[in-house]
PDB file of N, CA and C in Angstrom:
ATOM      1  N   MET A   1     112.099 102.616 129.978  1.00  0.00           N
ATOM      2  CA  MET A   1     111.653 101.681 128.961  1.00  0.00           C
ATOM      3  C   MET A   1     112.308 100.327 129.197  1.00  0.00           C
ATOM      4  N   LEU A   2     111.475  99.296 129.239  1.00  0.00           N
ATOM      5  CA  LEU A   2     111.960  97.932 129.404  1.00  0.00           C
ATOM      6  C   LEU A   2     111.849  97.177 128.091  1.00  0.00           C
ATOM      7  N   LYS A   3     112.757  96.228 127.885  1.00  0.00           N
ATOM      8  CA  LYS A   3     112.633  95.279 126.783  1.00  0.00           C
ATOM      9  C   LYS A   3     111.992  94.027 127.376  1.00  0.00           C
ATOM     10  N   ILE A   4     110.777  93.711 126.905  1.00  0.00           N
ATOM     11  CA  ILE A   4     109.992  92.641 127.488  1.00  0.00           C
ATOM     12  C   ILE A   4     109.675  91.582 126.439  1.00  0.00           C
ATOM     13  N   LEU A   5     109.902  90.325 126.805  1.00  0.00           N
ATOM     14  CA  LEU A   5     109.539  89.183 125.974  1.00  0.00           C
ATOM     15  C   LEU A   5     108.234  88.612 126.503  1.00  0.00           C
ATOM     16  N   ILE A   6     107.216  88.547 125.641  1.00  0.00           N
ATOM     17  CA  ILE A   6     105.933  87.946 125.975  1.00  0.00           C
ATOM     18  C   ILE A   6     105.855  86.600 125.274  1.00  0.00           C
ATOM     19  N   ILE A   7     105.499  85.565 126.035  1.00  0.00           N
ATOM     20  CA  ILE A   7     105.334  84.231 125.466  1.00  0.00           C
ATOM     21  C   ILE A   7     103.915  83.759 125.766  1.00  0.00           C
ATOM     22  N   ASP A   8     103.099  83.652 124.722  1.00  0.00           N
ATOM     23  CA  ASP A   8     101.720  83.206 124.897  1.00  0.00           C
ATOM     24  C   ASP A   8     101.185  82.746 123.548  1.00  0.00           C
ATOM     25  N   ASP A   9     100.432  81.673 123.537  1.00  0.00           N
ATOM     26  CA  ASP A   9      99.873  81.156 122.295  1.00  0.00           C
ATOM     27  C   ASP A   9      98.577  81.861 121.892  1.00  0.00           C
ATOM     28  N   ASP A  10      97.972  82.610 122.791  1.00  0.00           N
ATOM     29  CA  ASP A  10      96.695  83.270 122.540  1.00  0.00           C
ATOM     30  C   ASP A  10      96.937  84.667 121.951  1.00  0.00           C
ATOM     31  N   GLU A  11      96.542  84.834 120.708  1.00  0.00           N
ATOM     32  CA  GLU A  11      96.780  86.108 120.008  1.00  0.00           C
ATOM     33  C   GLU A  11      96.104  87.285 120.706  1.00  0.00           C
ATOM     34  N   ILE A  12      94.919  87.070 121.248  1.00  0.00           N
ATOM     35  CA  ILE A  12      94.199  88.159 121.925  1.00  0.00           C
ATOM     36  C   ILE A  12      94.977  88.615 123.157  1.00  0.00           C
ATOM     37  N   ILE A  13      95.482  87.671 123.929  1.00  0.00           N
ATOM     38  CA  ILE A  13      96.288  88.016 125.117  1.00  0.00           C
ATOM     39  C   ILE A  13      97.570  88.722 124.697  1.00  0.00           C
ATOM     40  N   ARG A  14      98.251  88.190 123.678  1.00  0.00           N
ATOM     41  CA  ARG A  14      99.492  88.830 123.199  1.00  0.00           C
ATOM     42  C   ARG A  14      99.230  90.267 122.771  1.00  0.00           C
ATOM     43  N   ASP A  15      98.160  90.476 122.009  1.00  0.00           N
ATOM     44  CA  ASP A  15      97.836  91.823 121.529  1.00  0.00           C
ATOM     45  C   ASP A  15      97.505  92.754 122.692  1.00  0.00           C
ATOM     46  N   ALA A  16      96.726  92.253 123.652  1.00  0.00           N
ATOM     47  CA  ALA A  16      96.355  93.086 124.801  1.00  0.00           C
ATOM     48  C   ALA A  16      97.582  93.452 125.627  1.00  0.00           C
ATOM     49  N   LEU A  17      98.436  92.476 125.898  1.00  0.00           N
ATOM     50  CA  LEU A  17      99.665  92.749 126.647  1.00  0.00           C
ATOM     51  C   LEU A  17     100.551  93.742 125.913  1.00  0.00           C
ATOM     52  N   THR A  18     100.698  93.542 124.622  1.00  0.00           N
ATOM     53  CA  THR A  18     101.529  94.444 123.824  1.00  0.00           C
ATOM     54  C   THR A  18     100.995  95.870 123.905  1.00  0.00           C
ATOM     55  N   LEU A  19      99.697  96.028 123.746  1.00  0.00           N
ATOM     56  CA  LEU A  19      99.086  97.352 123.824  1.00  0.00           C
ATOM     57  C   LEU A  19      99.317  97.985 125.197  1.00  0.00           C
ATOM     58  N   MET A  20      99.074  97.221 126.266  1.00  0.00           N
ATOM     59  CA  MET A  20      99.259  97.741 127.625  1.00  0.00           C
ATOM     60  C   MET A  20     100.709  98.162 127.867  1.00  0.00           C
ATOM     61  N   LEU A  21     101.636  97.330 127.437  1.00  0.00           N
ATOM     62  CA  LEU A  21     103.052  97.599 127.698  1.00  0.00           C
ATOM     63  C   LEU A  21     103.590  98.742 126.846  1.00  0.00           C
ATOM     64  N   LYS A  22     103.127  98.830 125.618  1.00  0.00           N
ATOM     65  CA  LYS A  22     103.588  99.916 124.753  1.00  0.00           C
ATOM     66  C   LYS A  22     103.058 101.269 125.211  1.00  0.00           C
ATOM     67  N   GLN A  23     101.933 101.288 125.939  1.00  0.00           N
ATOM     68  CA  GLN A  23     101.422 102.539 126.498  1.00  0.00           C
ATOM     69  C   GLN A  23     102.419 103.132 127.491  1.00  0.00           C
ATOM     70  N   ASP A  24     103.216 102.269 128.113  1.00  0.00           N
ATOM     71  CA  ASP A  24     104.257 102.728 129.034  1.00  0.00           C
ATOM     72  C   ASP A  24     105.625 102.780 128.350  1.00  0.00           C
ATOM     73  N   ASN A  25     105.624 102.787 127.020  1.00  0.00           N
ATOM     74  CA  ASN A  25     106.831 102.912 126.194  1.00  0.00           C
ATOM     75  C   ASN A  25     107.808 101.748 126.316  1.00  0.00           C
ATOM     76  N   HIS A  26     107.303 100.565 126.660  1.00  0.00           N
ATOM     77  CA  HIS A  26     108.169  99.395 126.705  1.00  0.00           C
ATOM     78  C   HIS A  26     108.303  98.806 125.302  1.00  0.00           C
ATOM     79  N   LYS A  27     109.451  98.203 125.048  1.00  0.00           N
ATOM     80  CA  LYS A  27     109.679  97.518 123.775  1.00  0.00           C
ATOM     81  C   LYS A  27     109.293  96.055 123.976  1.00  0.00           C
ATOM     82  N   VAL A  28     108.454  95.519 123.093  1.00  0.00           N
ATOM     83  CA  VAL A  28     107.878  94.189 123.270  1.00  0.00           C
ATOM     84  C   VAL A  28     108.275  93.269 122.123  1.00  0.00           C
ATOM     85  N   THR A  29     108.672  92.053 122.480  1.00  0.00           N
ATOM     86  CA  THR A  29     108.907  90.980 121.519  1.00  0.00           C
ATOM     87  C   THR A  29     107.909  89.879 121.844  1.00  0.00           C
ATOM     88  N   ILE A  30     107.375  89.231 120.805  1.00  0.00           N
ATOM     89  CA  ILE A  30     106.346  88.201 120.970  1.00  0.00           C
ATOM     90  C   ILE A  30     106.890  86.840 120.564  1.00  0.00           C
ATOM     91  N   ALA A  31     106.599  85.828 121.394  1.00  0.00           N
ATOM     92  CA  ALA A  31     106.841  84.427 121.048  1.00  0.00           C
ATOM     93  C   ALA A  31     105.533  83.681 121.293  1.00  0.00           C
ATOM     94  N   THR A  32     105.257  82.666 120.476  1.00  0.00           N
ATOM     95  CA  THR A  32     103.984  81.963 120.589  1.00  0.00           C
ATOM     96  C   THR A  32     104.062  80.679 121.411  1.00  0.00           C
ATOM     97  N   ASN A  33     105.271  80.274 121.802  1.00  0.00           N
ATOM     98  CA  ASN A  33     105.420  79.109 122.673  1.00  0.00           C
ATOM     99  C   ASN A  33     106.799  79.159 123.322  1.00  0.00           C
ATOM    100  N   GLY A  34     107.037  78.231 124.226  1.00  0.00           N
ATOM    101  CA  GLY A  34     108.294  78.218 124.962  1.00  0.00           C
ATOM    102  C   GLY A  34     109.523  78.020 124.094  1.00  0.00           C
ATOM    103  N   GLU A  35     109.387  77.252 123.050  1.00  0.00           N
ATOM    104  CA  GLU A  35     110.529  77.025 122.159  1.00  0.00           C
ATOM    105  C   GLU A  35     110.963  78.325 121.480  1.00  0.00           C
ATOM    106  N   GLU A  36     109.999  79.085 120.968  1.00  0.00           N
ATOM    107  CA  GLU A  36     110.322  80.394 120.383  1.00  0.00           C
ATOM    108  C   GLU A  36     110.896  81.318 121.454  1.00  0.00           C
ATOM    109  N   GLY A  37     110.332  81.245 122.662  1.00  0.00           N
ATOM    110  CA  GLY A  37     110.815  82.072 123.763  1.00  0.00           C
ATOM    111  C   GLY A  37     112.277  81.824 124.069  1.00  0.00           C
ATOM    112  N   ILE A  38     112.686  80.558 124.090  1.00  0.00           N
ATOM    113  CA  ILE A  38     114.091  80.206 124.335  1.00  0.00           C
ATOM    114  C   ILE A  38     114.965  80.774 123.222  1.00  0.00           C
ATOM    115  N   SER A  39     114.508  80.659 121.975  1.00  0.00           N
ATOM    116  CA  SER A  39     115.285  81.195 120.841  1.00  0.00           C
ATOM    117  C   SER A  39     115.497  82.693 120.975  1.00  0.00           C
ATOM    118  N   PHE A  40     114.432  83.429 121.306  1.00  0.00           N
ATOM    119  CA  PHE A  40     114.564  84.876 121.482  1.00  0.00           C
ATOM    120  C   PHE A  40     115.467  85.198 122.669  1.00  0.00           C
ATOM    121  N   TYR A  41     115.314  84.454 123.763  1.00  0.00           N
ATOM    122  CA  TYR A  41     116.147  84.665 124.956  1.00  0.00           C
ATOM    123  C   TYR A  41     117.629  84.530 124.610  1.00  0.00           C
ATOM    124  N   LYS A  42     117.962  83.536 123.807  1.00  0.00           N
ATOM    125  CA  LYS A  42     119.366  83.298 123.447  1.00  0.00           C
ATOM    126  C   LYS A  42     119.899  84.364 122.500  1.00  0.00           C
ATOM    127  N   GLU A  43     119.002  84.987 121.729  1.00  0.00           N
ATOM    128  CA  GLU A  43     119.433  85.941 120.708  1.00  0.00           C
ATOM    129  C   GLU A  43     119.459  87.392 121.190  1.00  0.00           C
ATOM    130  N   TYR A  44     118.559  87.758 122.104  1.00  0.00           N
ATOM    131  CA  TYR A  44     118.427  89.145 122.519  1.00  0.00           C
ATOM    132  C   TYR A  44     118.487  89.269 124.037  1.00  0.00           C
ATOM    133  N   LYS A  45     118.742  90.484 124.512  1.00  0.00           N
ATOM    134  CA  LYS A  45     118.760  90.750 125.956  1.00  0.00           C
ATOM    135  C   LYS A  45     117.440  91.397 126.353  1.00  0.00           C
ATOM    136  N   TYR A  46     116.809  90.844 127.366  1.00  0.00           N
ATOM    137  CA  TYR A  46     115.538  91.367 127.864  1.00  0.00           C
ATOM    138  C   TYR A  46     115.678  91.775 129.319  1.00  0.00           C
ATOM    139  N   ASP A  47     114.807  92.700 129.725  1.00  0.00           N
ATOM    140  CA  ASP A  47     114.737  93.120 131.123  1.00  0.00           C
ATOM    141  C   ASP A  47     113.720  92.299 131.900  1.00  0.00           C
ATOM    142  N   LEU A  48     112.751  91.712 131.179  1.00  0.00           N
ATOM    143  CA  LEU A  48     111.658  90.982 131.810  1.00  0.00           C
ATOM    144  C   LEU A  48     111.065  90.011 130.798  1.00  0.00           C
ATOM    145  N   ILE A  49     110.624  88.849 131.303  1.00  0.00           N
ATOM    146  CA  ILE A  49     109.916  87.873 130.479  1.00  0.00           C
ATOM    147  C   ILE A  49     108.568  87.613 131.134  1.00  0.00           C
ATOM    148  N   ILE A  50     107.506  87.618 130.321  1.00  0.00           N
ATOM    149  CA  ILE A  50     106.167  87.270 130.788  1.00  0.00           C
ATOM    150  C   ILE A  50     105.729  86.055 129.987  1.00  0.00           C
ATOM    151  N   THR A  51     105.468  84.938 130.673  1.00  0.00           N
ATOM    152  CA  THR A  51     105.115  83.717 129.967  1.00  0.00           C
ATOM    153  C   THR A  51     103.818  83.105 130.467  1.00  0.00           C
ATOM    154  N   ASP A  52     103.052  82.605 129.522  1.00  0.00           N
ATOM    155  CA  ASP A  52     101.880  81.807 129.844  1.00  0.00           C
ATOM    156  C   ASP A  52     102.379  80.426 130.284  1.00  0.00           C
ATOM    157  N   ILE A  53     101.520  79.679 130.950  1.00  0.00           N
ATOM    158  CA  ILE A  53     101.881  78.326 131.370  1.00  0.00           C
ATOM    159  C   ILE A  53     101.357  77.291 130.384  1.00  0.00           C
ATOM    160  N   LEU A  54     100.075  77.370 130.027  1.00  0.00           N
ATOM    161  CA  LEU A  54      99.476  76.377 129.141  1.00  0.00           C
ATOM    162  C   LEU A  54      99.580  76.824 127.696  1.00  0.00           C
ATOM    163  N   MET A  55     100.466  76.142 126.941  1.00  0.00           N
ATOM    164  CA  MET A  55     100.676  76.447 125.529  1.00  0.00           C
ATOM    165  C   MET A  55     100.999  75.150 124.811  1.00  0.00           C
ATOM    166  N   PRO A  56     100.694  75.074 123.520  1.00  0.00           N
ATOM    167  CA  PRO A  56     101.120  73.900 122.746  1.00  0.00           C
ATOM    168  C   PRO A  56     102.630  73.938 122.520  1.00  0.00           C
ATOM    169  N   GLY A  57     103.175  72.811 122.155  1.00  0.00           N
ATOM    170  CA  GLY A  57     104.628  72.742 121.978  1.00  0.00           C
ATOM    171  C   GLY A  57     105.284  72.793 123.334  1.00  0.00           C
ATOM    172  N   LYS A  58     106.352  73.556 123.456  1.00  0.00           N
ATOM    173  CA  LYS A  58     107.023  73.721 124.751  1.00  0.00           C
ATOM    174  C   LYS A  58     106.171  74.654 125.607  1.00  0.00           C
ATOM    175  N   ASN A  59     105.578  74.105 126.675  1.00  0.00           N
ATOM    176  CA  ASN A  59     104.703  74.922 127.514  1.00  0.00           C
ATOM    177  C   ASN A  59     105.511  75.770 128.486  1.00  0.00           C
ATOM    178  N   GLY A  60     104.790  76.533 129.309  1.00  0.00           N
ATOM    179  CA  GLY A  60     105.453  77.453 130.223  1.00  0.00           C
ATOM    180  C   GLY A  60     106.306  76.767 131.270  1.00  0.00           C
ATOM    181  N   ILE A  61     105.867  75.629 131.796  1.00  0.00           N
ATOM    182  CA  ILE A  61     106.661  74.907 132.789  1.00  0.00           C
ATOM    183  C   ILE A  61     107.950  74.392 132.150  1.00  0.00           C
ATOM    184  N   GLU A  62     107.843  73.824 130.962  1.00  0.00           N
ATOM    185  CA  GLU A  62     109.045  73.356 130.253  1.00  0.00           C
ATOM    186  C   GLU A  62     109.984  74.519 129.953  1.00  0.00           C
ATOM    187  N   PHE A  63     109.408  75.659 129.576  1.00  0.00           N
ATOM    188  CA  PHE A  63     110.205  76.859 129.336  1.00  0.00           C
ATOM    189  C   PHE A  63     110.950  77.260 130.608  1.00  0.00           C
ATOM    190  N   LEU A  64     110.251  77.293 131.741  1.00  0.00           N
ATOM    191  CA  LEU A  64     110.874  77.685 133.015  1.00  0.00           C
ATOM    192  C   LEU A  64     111.979  76.719 133.425  1.00  0.00           C
ATOM    193  N   ILE A  65     111.765  75.442 133.211  1.00  0.00           N
ATOM    194  CA  ILE A  65     112.806  74.452 133.530  1.00  0.00           C
ATOM    195  C   ILE A  65     114.043  74.703 132.676  1.00  0.00           C
ATOM    196  N   GLU A  66     113.837  74.930 131.380  1.00  0.00           N
ATOM    197  CA  GLU A  66     114.987  75.192 130.504  1.00  0.00           C
ATOM    198  C   GLU A  66     115.696  76.487 130.891  1.00  0.00           C
ATOM    199  N   MET A  67     114.939  77.508 131.266  1.00  0.00           N
ATOM    200  CA  MET A  67     115.554  78.769 131.686  1.00  0.00           C
ATOM    201  C   MET A  67     116.401  78.553 132.941  1.00  0.00           C
ATOM    202  N   THR A  68     115.927  77.725 133.861  1.00  0.00           N
ATOM    203  CA  THR A  68     116.711  77.393 135.056  1.00  0.00           C
ATOM    204  C   THR A  68     118.005  76.698 134.647  1.00  0.00           C
ATOM    205  N   ASN A  69     117.911  75.768 133.715  1.00  0.00           N
ATOM    206  CA  ASN A  69     119.100  75.049 133.240  1.00  0.00           C
ATOM    207  C   ASN A  69     120.087  75.973 132.531  1.00  0.00           C
ATOM    208  N   LEU A  70     119.576  77.074 131.961  1.00  0.00           N
ATOM    209  CA  LEU A  70     120.436  78.057 131.281  1.00  0.00           C
ATOM    210  C   LEU A  70     120.976  79.108 132.257  1.00  0.00           C
ATOM    211  N   ASN A  71     120.712  78.930 133.556  1.00  0.00           N
ATOM    212  CA  ASN A  71     121.153  79.874 134.586  1.00  0.00           C
ATOM    213  C   ASN A  71     120.640  81.285 134.326  1.00  0.00           C
ATOM    214  N   ASN A  72     119.389  81.372 133.958  1.00  0.00           N
ATOM    215  CA  ASN A  72     118.750  82.646 133.664  1.00  0.00           C
ATOM    216  C   ASN A  72     118.758  83.575 134.881  1.00  0.00           C
ATOM    217  N   THR A  73     119.008  84.859 134.651  1.00  0.00           N
ATOM    218  CA  THR A  73     118.918  85.861 135.713  1.00  0.00           C
ATOM    219  C   THR A  73     117.860  86.920 135.415  1.00  0.00           C
ATOM    220  N   ILE A  74     117.176  86.806 134.285  1.00  0.00           N
ATOM    221  CA  ILE A  74     116.134  87.763 133.916  1.00  0.00           C
ATOM    222  C   ILE A  74     114.869  87.436 134.716  1.00  0.00           C
ATOM    223  N   PRO A  75     114.239  88.442 135.339  1.00  0.00           N
ATOM    224  CA  PRO A  75     113.003  88.169 136.073  1.00  0.00           C
ATOM    225  C   PRO A  75     111.903  87.667 135.136  1.00  0.00           C
ATOM    226  N   ILE A  76     111.141  86.695 135.637  1.00  0.00           N
ATOM    227  CA  ILE A  76     110.063  86.104 134.854  1.00  0.00           C
ATOM    228  C   ILE A  76     108.753  86.213 135.625  1.00  0.00           C
ATOM    229  N   VAL A  77     107.702  86.617 134.904  1.00  0.00           N
ATOM    230  CA  VAL A  77     106.338  86.611 135.416  1.00  0.00           C
ATOM    231  C   VAL A  77     105.609  85.469 134.709  1.00  0.00           C
ATOM    232  N   ALA A  78     104.984  84.581 135.485  1.00  0.00           N
ATOM    233  CA  ALA A  78     104.183  83.504 134.914  1.00  0.00           C
ATOM    234  C   ALA A  78     102.715  83.894 134.995  1.00  0.00           C
ATOM    235  N   MET A  79     101.965  83.582 133.923  1.00  0.00           N
ATOM    236  CA  MET A  79     100.535  83.891 133.936  1.00  0.00           C
ATOM    237  C   MET A  79      99.752  82.681 133.452  1.00  0.00           C
ATOM    238  N   SER A  80      98.523  82.572 133.958  1.00  0.00           N
ATOM    239  CA  SER A  80      97.664  81.463 133.554  1.00  0.00           C
ATOM    240  C   SER A  80      96.220  81.792 133.847  1.00  0.00           C
ATOM    241  N   GLY A  81      95.363  81.242 133.020  1.00  0.00           N
ATOM    242  CA  GLY A  81      93.931  81.354 133.263  1.00  0.00           C
ATOM    243  C   GLY A  81      93.338  79.997 133.567  1.00  0.00           C
ATOM    244  N   GLY A  82      94.148  78.955 133.400  1.00  0.00           N
ATOM    245  CA  GLY A  82      93.663  77.597 133.630  1.00  0.00           C
ATOM    246  C   GLY A  82      92.775  77.149 132.483  1.00  0.00           C
ATOM    247  N   ARG A  83      92.679  75.856 132.322  1.00  0.00           N
ATOM    248  CA  ARG A  83      91.810  75.264 131.300  1.00  0.00           C
ATOM    249  C   ARG A  83      91.324  73.923 131.809  1.00  0.00           C
ATOM    250  N   ARG A  84      90.139  73.576 131.384  1.00  0.00           N
ATOM    251  CA  ARG A  84      89.549  72.286 131.718  1.00  0.00           C
ATOM    252  C   ARG A  84      89.584  72.043 133.223  1.00  0.00           C
ATOM    253  N   ALA A  85      90.161  70.928 133.651  1.00  0.00           N
ATOM    254  CA  ALA A  85      90.169  70.585 135.083  1.00  0.00           C
ATOM    255  C   ALA A  85      91.340  71.204 135.825  1.00  0.00           C
ATOM    256  N   VAL A  86      92.240  71.844 135.101  1.00  0.00           N
ATOM    257  CA  VAL A  86      93.426  72.429 135.725  1.00  0.00           C
ATOM    258  C   VAL A  86      93.146  73.904 136.008  1.00  0.00           C
ATOM    259  N   THR A  87      93.377  74.321 137.230  1.00  0.00           N
ATOM    260  CA  THR A  87      93.096  75.711 137.593  1.00  0.00           C
ATOM    261  C   THR A  87      94.325  76.581 137.414  1.00  0.00           C
ATOM    262  N   SER A  88      94.096  77.878 137.315  1.00  0.00           N
ATOM    263  CA  SER A  88      95.219  78.809 137.220  1.00  0.00           C
ATOM    264  C   SER A  88      96.044  78.765 138.501  1.00  0.00           C
ATOM    265  N   ASP A  89      95.397  78.563 139.663  1.00  0.00           N
ATOM    266  CA  ASP A  89      96.140  78.477 140.925  1.00  0.00           C
ATOM    267  C   ASP A  89      97.140  77.327 140.896  1.00  0.00           C
ATOM    268  N   PHE A  90      96.722  76.186 140.375  1.00  0.00           N
ATOM    269  CA  PHE A  90      97.630  75.036 140.283  1.00  0.00           C
ATOM    270  C   PHE A  90      98.797  75.356 139.354  1.00  0.00           C
ATOM    271  N   ASN A  91      98.479  75.922 138.192  1.00  0.00           N
ATOM    272  CA  ASN A  91      99.535  76.255 137.224  1.00  0.00           C
ATOM    273  C   ASN A  91     100.531  77.250 137.803  1.00  0.00           C
ATOM    274  N   LEU A  92     100.025  78.276 138.459  1.00  0.00           N
ATOM    275  CA  LEU A  92     100.908  79.316 138.982  1.00  0.00           C
ATOM    276  C   LEU A  92     101.683  78.820 140.200  1.00  0.00           C
ATOM    277  N   SER A  93     101.102  77.940 141.002  1.00  0.00           N
ATOM    278  CA  SER A  93     101.848  77.340 142.122  1.00  0.00           C
ATOM    279  C   SER A  93     103.005  76.511 141.595  1.00  0.00           C
ATOM    280  N   SER A  94     102.768  75.794 140.514  1.00  0.00           N
ATOM    281  CA  SER A  94     103.846  75.011 139.890  1.00  0.00           C
ATOM    282  C   SER A  94     104.951  75.931 139.387  1.00  0.00           C
ATOM    283  N   ALA A  95     104.576  77.049 138.784  1.00  0.00           N
ATOM    284  CA  ALA A  95     105.562  78.001 138.264  1.00  0.00           C
ATOM    285  C   ALA A  95     106.379  78.617 139.392  1.00  0.00           C
ATOM    286  N   GLU A  96     105.742  78.881 140.532  1.00  0.00           N
ATOM    287  CA  GLU A  96     106.460  79.476 141.666  1.00  0.00           C
ATOM    288  C   GLU A  96     107.586  78.571 142.153  1.00  0.00           C
ATOM    289  N   LEU A  97     107.418  77.265 141.993  1.00  0.00           N
ATOM    290  CA  LEU A  97     108.473  76.327 142.375  1.00  0.00           C
ATOM    291  C   LEU A  97     109.703  76.469 141.476  1.00  0.00           C
ATOM    292  N   LEU A  98     109.522  77.105 140.335  1.00  0.00           N
ATOM    293  CA  LEU A  98     110.611  77.273 139.369  1.00  0.00           C
ATOM    294  C   LEU A  98     111.153  78.694 139.380  1.00  0.00           C
ATOM    295  N   ASP A  99     110.998  79.388 140.487  1.00  0.00           N
ATOM    296  CA  ASP A  99     111.648  80.676 140.740  1.00  0.00           C
ATOM    297  C   ASP A  99     111.163  81.827 139.874  1.00  0.00           C
ATOM    298  N   VAL A 100     109.863  81.830 139.525  1.00  0.00           N
ATOM    299  CA  VAL A 100     109.345  83.034 138.875  1.00  0.00           C
ATOM    300  C   VAL A 100     109.274  84.129 139.928  1.00  0.00           C
ATOM    301  N   LYS A 101     109.384  85.360 139.501  1.00  0.00           N
ATOM    302  CA  LYS A 101     109.398  86.494 140.437  1.00  0.00           C
ATOM    303  C   LYS A 101     108.002  86.955 140.814  1.00  0.00           C
ATOM    304  N   ALA A 102     107.009  86.677 139.947  1.00  0.00           N
ATOM    305  CA  ALA A 102     105.628  87.079 140.222  1.00  0.00           C
ATOM    306  C   ALA A 102     104.709  86.248 139.344  1.00  0.00           C
ATOM    307  N   THR A 103     103.422  86.213 139.721  1.00  0.00           N
ATOM    308  CA  THR A 103     102.428  85.492 138.928  1.00  0.00           C
ATOM    309  C   THR A 103     101.250  86.416 138.642  1.00  0.00           C
ATOM    310  N   LEU A 104     100.539  86.082 137.577  1.00  0.00           N
ATOM    311  CA  LEU A 104      99.425  86.895 137.113  1.00  0.00           C
ATOM    312  C   LEU A 104      98.314  85.962 136.659  1.00  0.00           C
ATOM    313  N   THR A 105      97.122  86.125 137.222  1.00  0.00           N
ATOM    314  CA  THR A 105      95.984  85.299 136.844  1.00  0.00           C
ATOM    315  C   THR A 105      95.171  86.002 135.768  1.00  0.00           C
ATOM    316  N   LYS A 106      94.904  85.282 134.678  1.00  0.00           N
ATOM    317  CA  LYS A 106      94.070  85.820 133.595  1.00  0.00           C
ATOM    318  C   LYS A 106      92.610  85.656 133.987  1.00  0.00           C
ATOM    319  N   PRO A 107      91.750  86.576 133.651  1.00  0.00           N
ATOM    320  CA  PRO A 107      92.043  87.883 133.056  1.00  0.00           C
ATOM    321  C   PRO A 107      92.595  88.837 134.110  1.00  0.00           C
ATOM    322  N   PHE A 108      93.301  89.865 133.660  1.00  0.00           N
ATOM    323  CA  PHE A 108      93.913  90.821 134.579  1.00  0.00           C
ATOM    324  C   PHE A 108      93.706  92.233 134.053  1.00  0.00           C
ATOM    325  N   THR A 109      93.897  93.176 134.949  1.00  0.00           N
ATOM    326  CA  THR A 109      93.760  94.591 134.577  1.00  0.00           C
ATOM    327  C   THR A 109      95.144  95.164 134.293  1.00  0.00           C
ATOM    328  N   ILE A 110      95.167  96.328 133.698  1.00  0.00           N
ATOM    329  CA  ILE A 110      96.441  97.005 133.456  1.00  0.00           C
ATOM    330  C   ILE A 110      97.129  97.340 134.780  1.00  0.00           C
ATOM    331  N   GLU A 111      96.348  97.654 135.802  1.00  0.00           N
ATOM    332  CA  GLU A 111      96.923  97.948 137.122  1.00  0.00           C
ATOM    333  C   GLU A 111      97.591  96.704 137.710  1.00  0.00           C
ATOM    334  N   GLU A 112      96.933  95.551 137.567  1.00  0.00           N
ATOM    335  CA  GLU A 112      97.525  94.302 138.057  1.00  0.00           C
ATOM    336  C   GLU A 112      98.805  93.975 137.296  1.00  0.00           C
ATOM    337  N   LEU A 113      98.800  94.196 135.992  1.00  0.00           N
ATOM    338  CA  LEU A 113      99.999  93.969 135.182  1.00  0.00           C
ATOM    339  C   LEU A 113     101.144  94.855 135.662  1.00  0.00           C
ATOM    340  N   LYS A 114     100.868  96.131 135.846  1.00  0.00           N
ATOM    341  CA  LYS A 114     101.912  97.056 136.307  1.00  0.00           C
ATOM    342  C   LYS A 114     102.438  96.653 137.683  1.00  0.00           C
ATOM    343  N   GLU A 115     101.548  96.196 138.556  1.00  0.00           N
ATOM    344  CA  GLU A 115     101.962  95.785 139.892  1.00  0.00           C
ATOM    345  C   GLU A 115     102.888  94.564 139.849  1.00  0.00           C
ATOM    346  N   VAL A 116     102.549  93.552 139.044  1.00  0.00           N
ATOM    347  CA  VAL A 116     103.418  92.373 138.998  1.00  0.00           C
ATOM    348  C   VAL A 116     104.759  92.690 138.342  1.00  0.00           C
ATOM    349  N   ILE A 117     104.766  93.621 137.394  1.00  0.00           N
ATOM    350  CA  ILE A 117     106.046  94.024 136.795  1.00  0.00           C
ATOM    351  C   ILE A 117     106.946  94.653 137.862  1.00  0.00           C
ATOM    352  N   GLN A 118     106.369  95.522 138.688  1.00  0.00           N
ATOM    353  CA  GLN A 118     107.152  96.140 139.764  1.00  0.00           C
ATOM    354  C   GLN A 118     107.659  95.091 140.751  1.00  0.00           C
ATOM    355  N   ILE A 119     106.811  94.123 141.097  1.00  0.00           N
ATOM    356  CA  ILE A 119     107.234  93.049 142.004  1.00  0.00           C
ATOM    357  C   ILE A 119     108.381  92.251 141.379  1.00  0.00           C
ATOM    358  N   ALA A 120     108.229  91.911 140.119  1.00  0.00           N
ATOM    359  CA  ALA A 120     109.244  91.093 139.441  1.00  0.00           C
ATOM    360  C   ALA A 120     110.593  91.799 139.337  1.00  0.00           C
ATOM    361  N   LEU A 121     110.582  93.114 139.228  1.00  0.00           N
ATOM    362  CA  LEU A 121     111.819  93.858 139.025  1.00  0.00           C
ATOM    363  C   LEU A 121     112.521  94.221 140.336  1.00  0.00           C
ATOM    364  N   ARG A 122     111.951  93.904 141.482  1.00  0.00           N
ATOM    365  CA  ARG A 122     112.574  94.214 142.770  1.00  0.00           C
ATOM    366  C   ARG A 122     113.788  93.355 142.999  1.00  0.00           C
TER     367      ARG A 122
END
């Protein structure tokens, strides 16, 4: 069982991720933006963080920069579906520069989610 922090502004994605992860008996905490994610990170210990990139308030890139400044050692998976003129590939390439352990393109399957979790935890 892993303690996983999910950071995403989309309720449907949060609910789907929570359902998928709880099927494998993981404990899930939800944050709706990077600022909430930082607060939870400072308060609790997690085994893995999964964060969206495009969010209102503190977005995923800002969250990743702050985590780097906090000398974070928890593996992070970045996910994005892209919006408007910005593609998910661009968002995830930017996240890779900030030392995420794996990336996930929305929409994704439960198998893809499990695979990126294994990659991130190596």
